[in-house]
């Protein structure tokens, strides 16, 4: 697992985590790619790279007539992607407040 952590720490991009969240929200690679302002092939490649980094035994999403469905590992990944995104949002908000306070405003 340490090797996977090392790989994630050195290669994981926030865009990949945003893509996971968009895929969960939209249930469609095409719609998620559109929401992320990227091509469907770029989104597919980013997802494949993430799955490779994770050494995932299965894809994170299963394709169904109703759209993409997260498997249990995919649900876990999306949950942590949302936690990281929320933490970064909180960090940015606190940083802005700190910067305003230092500027006297």
C-alpha atoms as a PDB file:
ATOM      1  CA  UNK A   1       0.000   0.000   0.000  1.00  0.00           C
ATOM      2  CA  UNK A   2       2.902   2.360   0.659  1.00  0.00           C
ATOM      3  CA  UNK A   3       3.842   2.146  -3.006  1.00  0.00           C
ATOM      4  CA  UNK A   4       0.280   3.166  -3.952  1.00  0.00           C
ATOM      5  CA  UNK A   5       0.483   6.090  -1.527  1.00  0.00           C
ATOM      6  CA  UNK A   6       3.815   7.178  -3.022  1.00  0.00           C
ATOM      7  CA  UNK A   7       2.324   6.993  -6.518  1.00  0.00           C
ATOM      8  CA  UNK A   8      -0.746   9.003  -5.497  1.00  0.00           C
ATOM      9  CA  UNK A   9       1.313  11.640  -3.689  1.00  0.00           C
ATOM     10  CA  UNK A  10       3.535  12.146  -6.712  1.00  0.00           C
ATOM     11  CA  UNK A  11       1.074  11.722  -9.596  1.00  0.00           C
ATOM     12  CA  UNK A  12      -2.491  12.389  -8.432  1.00  0.00           C
ATOM     13  CA  UNK A  13      -4.012  15.537  -9.892  1.00  0.00           C
ATOM     14  CA  UNK A  14      -6.924  17.467  -8.449  1.00  0.00           C
ATOM     15  CA  UNK A  15      -8.510  17.406 -11.905  1.00  0.00           C
ATOM     16  CA  UNK A  16      -8.812  13.625 -11.561  1.00  0.00           C
ATOM     17  CA  UNK A  17     -10.581  13.983  -8.222  1.00  0.00           C
ATOM     18  CA  UNK A  18     -12.876  16.642  -9.696  1.00  0.00           C
ATOM     19  CA  UNK A  19     -13.624  14.244 -12.537  1.00  0.00           C
ATOM     20  CA  UNK A  20     -14.605  11.499 -10.078  1.00  0.00           C
ATOM     21  CA  UNK A  21     -17.022  13.896  -8.398  1.00  0.00           C
ATOM     22  CA  UNK A  22     -18.444  15.019 -11.755  1.00  0.00           C
ATOM     23  CA  UNK A  23     -18.869  11.400 -12.869  1.00  0.00           C
ATOM     24  CA  UNK A  24     -20.757  10.652  -9.674  1.00  0.00           C
ATOM     25  CA  UNK A  25     -22.910  13.760 -10.083  1.00  0.00           C
ATOM     26  CA  UNK A  26     -23.694  13.299 -13.785  1.00  0.00           C
ATOM     27  CA  UNK A  27     -23.578   9.473 -14.133  1.00  0.00           C
ATOM     28  CA  UNK A  28     -22.214   9.969 -17.653  1.00  0.00           C
ATOM     29  CA  UNK A  29     -18.692  10.320 -19.000  1.00  0.00           C
ATOM     30  CA  UNK A  30     -19.941  12.636 -21.752  1.00  0.00           C
ATOM     31  CA  UNK A  31     -21.829  14.923 -19.337  1.00  0.00           C
ATOM     32  CA  UNK A  32     -19.030  14.917 -16.754  1.00  0.00           C
ATOM     33  CA  UNK A  33     -16.481  15.802 -19.429  1.00  0.00           C
ATOM     34  CA  UNK A  34     -18.709  18.659 -20.592  1.00  0.00           C
ATOM     35  CA  UNK A  35     -19.076  19.946 -17.043  1.00  0.00           C
ATOM     36  CA  UNK A  36     -15.296  19.833 -16.648  1.00  0.00           C
ATOM     37  CA  UNK A  37     -14.767  21.535 -20.031  1.00  0.00           C
ATOM     38  CA  UNK A  38     -12.707  18.665 -21.395  1.00  0.00           C
ATOM     39  CA  UNK A  39     -13.185  16.159 -24.172  1.00  0.00           C
ATOM     40  CA  UNK A  40     -14.721  12.790 -23.464  1.00  0.00           C
ATOM     41  CA  UNK A  41     -11.484  11.094 -24.532  1.00  0.00           C
ATOM     42  CA  UNK A  42      -9.460  13.278 -22.109  1.00  0.00           C
ATOM     43  CA  UNK A  43     -11.877  12.392 -19.311  1.00  0.00           C
ATOM     44  CA  UNK A  44     -11.646   8.708 -20.173  1.00  0.00           C
ATOM     45  CA  UNK A  45      -7.845   8.891 -20.195  1.00  0.00           C
ATOM     46  CA  UNK A  46      -7.752  10.733 -16.829  1.00  0.00           C
ATOM     47  CA  UNK A  47     -10.038   8.112 -15.276  1.00  0.00           C
ATOM     48  CA  UNK A  48      -7.930   5.263 -16.689  1.00  0.00           C
ATOM     49  CA  UNK A  49      -4.752   6.882 -15.311  1.00  0.00           C
ATOM     50  CA  UNK A  50      -6.345   7.198 -11.884  1.00  0.00           C
ATOM     51  CA  UNK A  51      -7.489   3.569 -11.913  1.00  0.00           C
ATOM     52  CA  UNK A  52      -3.971   2.543 -12.934  1.00  0.00           C
ATOM     53  CA  UNK A  53      -2.409   4.562 -10.103  1.00  0.00           C
ATOM     54  CA  UNK A  54      -4.751   2.894  -7.645  1.00  0.00           C
ATOM     55  CA  UNK A  55      -3.976  -0.515  -9.078  1.00  0.00           C
ATOM     56  CA  UNK A  56      -7.743  -0.993  -9.086  1.00  0.00           C
ATOM     57  CA  UNK A  57      -8.685  -4.617  -9.832  1.00  0.00           C
ATOM     58  CA  UNK A  58     -11.909  -3.355 -11.453  1.00  0.00           C
ATOM     59  CA  UNK A  59     -12.998  -0.073 -13.027  1.00  0.00           C
ATOM     60  CA  UNK A  60     -14.381   2.380 -10.451  1.00  0.00           C
ATOM     61  CA  UNK A  61     -17.629   2.659 -12.436  1.00  0.00           C
ATOM     62  CA  UNK A  62     -19.795   0.058 -14.116  1.00  0.00           C
ATOM     63  CA  UNK A  63     -21.597   0.973 -17.291  1.00  0.00           C
ATOM     64  CA  UNK A  64     -25.360   0.484 -17.268  1.00  0.00           C
ATOM     65  CA  UNK A  65     -28.234   1.622 -19.466  1.00  0.00           C
ATOM     66  CA  UNK A  66     -29.017   4.290 -16.878  1.00  0.00           C
ATOM     67  CA  UNK A  67     -25.426   5.558 -16.871  1.00  0.00           C
ATOM     68  CA  UNK A  68     -22.316   4.993 -14.825  1.00  0.00           C
ATOM     69  CA  UNK A  69     -22.732   3.246 -11.485  1.00  0.00           C
ATOM     70  CA  UNK A  70     -20.079   3.341  -8.796  1.00  0.00           C
ATOM     71  CA  UNK A  71     -18.902   0.027  -7.412  1.00  0.00           C
ATOM     72  CA  UNK A  72     -17.950  -0.118  -3.703  1.00  0.00           C
ATOM     73  CA  UNK A  73     -14.329   0.906  -4.375  1.00  0.00           C
ATOM     74  CA  UNK A  74     -15.537   3.748  -6.599  1.00  0.00           C
ATOM     75  CA  UNK A  75     -17.916   4.965  -3.857  1.00  0.00           C
ATOM     76  CA  UNK A  76     -14.997   5.008  -1.430  1.00  0.00           C
ATOM     77  CA  UNK A  77     -12.855   6.986  -3.876  1.00  0.00           C
ATOM     78  CA  UNK A  78     -15.600   9.524  -4.547  1.00  0.00           C
ATOM     79  CA  UNK A  79     -16.237   9.955  -0.825  1.00  0.00           C
ATOM     80  CA  UNK A  80     -12.574  10.803  -0.253  1.00  0.00           C
ATOM     81  CA  UNK A  81     -12.448  13.018  -3.355  1.00  0.00           C
ATOM     82  CA  UNK A  82     -15.348  15.012  -1.898  1.00  0.00           C
ATOM     83  CA  UNK A  83     -13.606  15.236   1.492  1.00  0.00           C
ATOM     84  CA  UNK A  84     -10.416  16.533  -0.137  1.00  0.00           C
ATOM     85  CA  UNK A  85     -12.368  19.038  -2.236  1.00  0.00           C
ATOM     86  CA  UNK A  86     -14.255  20.268   0.843  1.00  0.00           C
ATOM     87  CA  UNK A  87     -11.031  20.585   2.829  1.00  0.00           C
ATOM     88  CA  UNK A  88      -9.393  22.576   0.043  1.00  0.00           C
ATOM     89  CA  UNK A  89     -12.438  24.833  -0.171  1.00  0.00           C
ATOM     90  CA  UNK A  90     -12.233  25.419   3.577  1.00  0.00           C
ATOM     91  CA  UNK A  91      -8.513  26.130   3.333  1.00  0.00           C
ATOM     92  CA  UNK A  92      -9.090  28.733   0.593  1.00  0.00           C
ATOM     93  CA  UNK A  93     -11.858  30.424   2.589  1.00  0.00           C
ATOM     94  CA  UNK A  94      -9.690  30.594   5.701  1.00  0.00           C
ATOM     95  CA  UNK A  95      -6.768  31.877   3.662  1.00  0.00           C
ATOM     96  CA  UNK A  96      -8.915  34.671   2.192  1.00  0.00           C
ATOM     97  CA  UNK A  97     -10.090  35.664   5.678  1.00  0.00           C
ATOM     98  CA  UNK A  98      -6.510  35.648   6.924  1.00  0.00           C
ATOM     99  CA  UNK A  99      -5.345  37.759   3.969  1.00  0.00           C
ATOM    100  CA  UNK A 100      -8.180  40.276   4.483  1.00  0.00           C
ATOM    101  CA  UNK A 101      -7.384  40.535   8.200  1.00  0.00           C
ATOM    102  CA  UNK A 102      -3.706  41.156   7.462  1.00  0.00           C
ATOM    103  CA  UNK A 103      -4.643  43.823   4.934  1.00  0.00           C
ATOM    104  CA  UNK A 104      -6.790  45.524   7.539  1.00  0.00           C
ATOM    105  CA  UNK A 105     -10.103  44.829   5.833  1.00  0.00           C
END
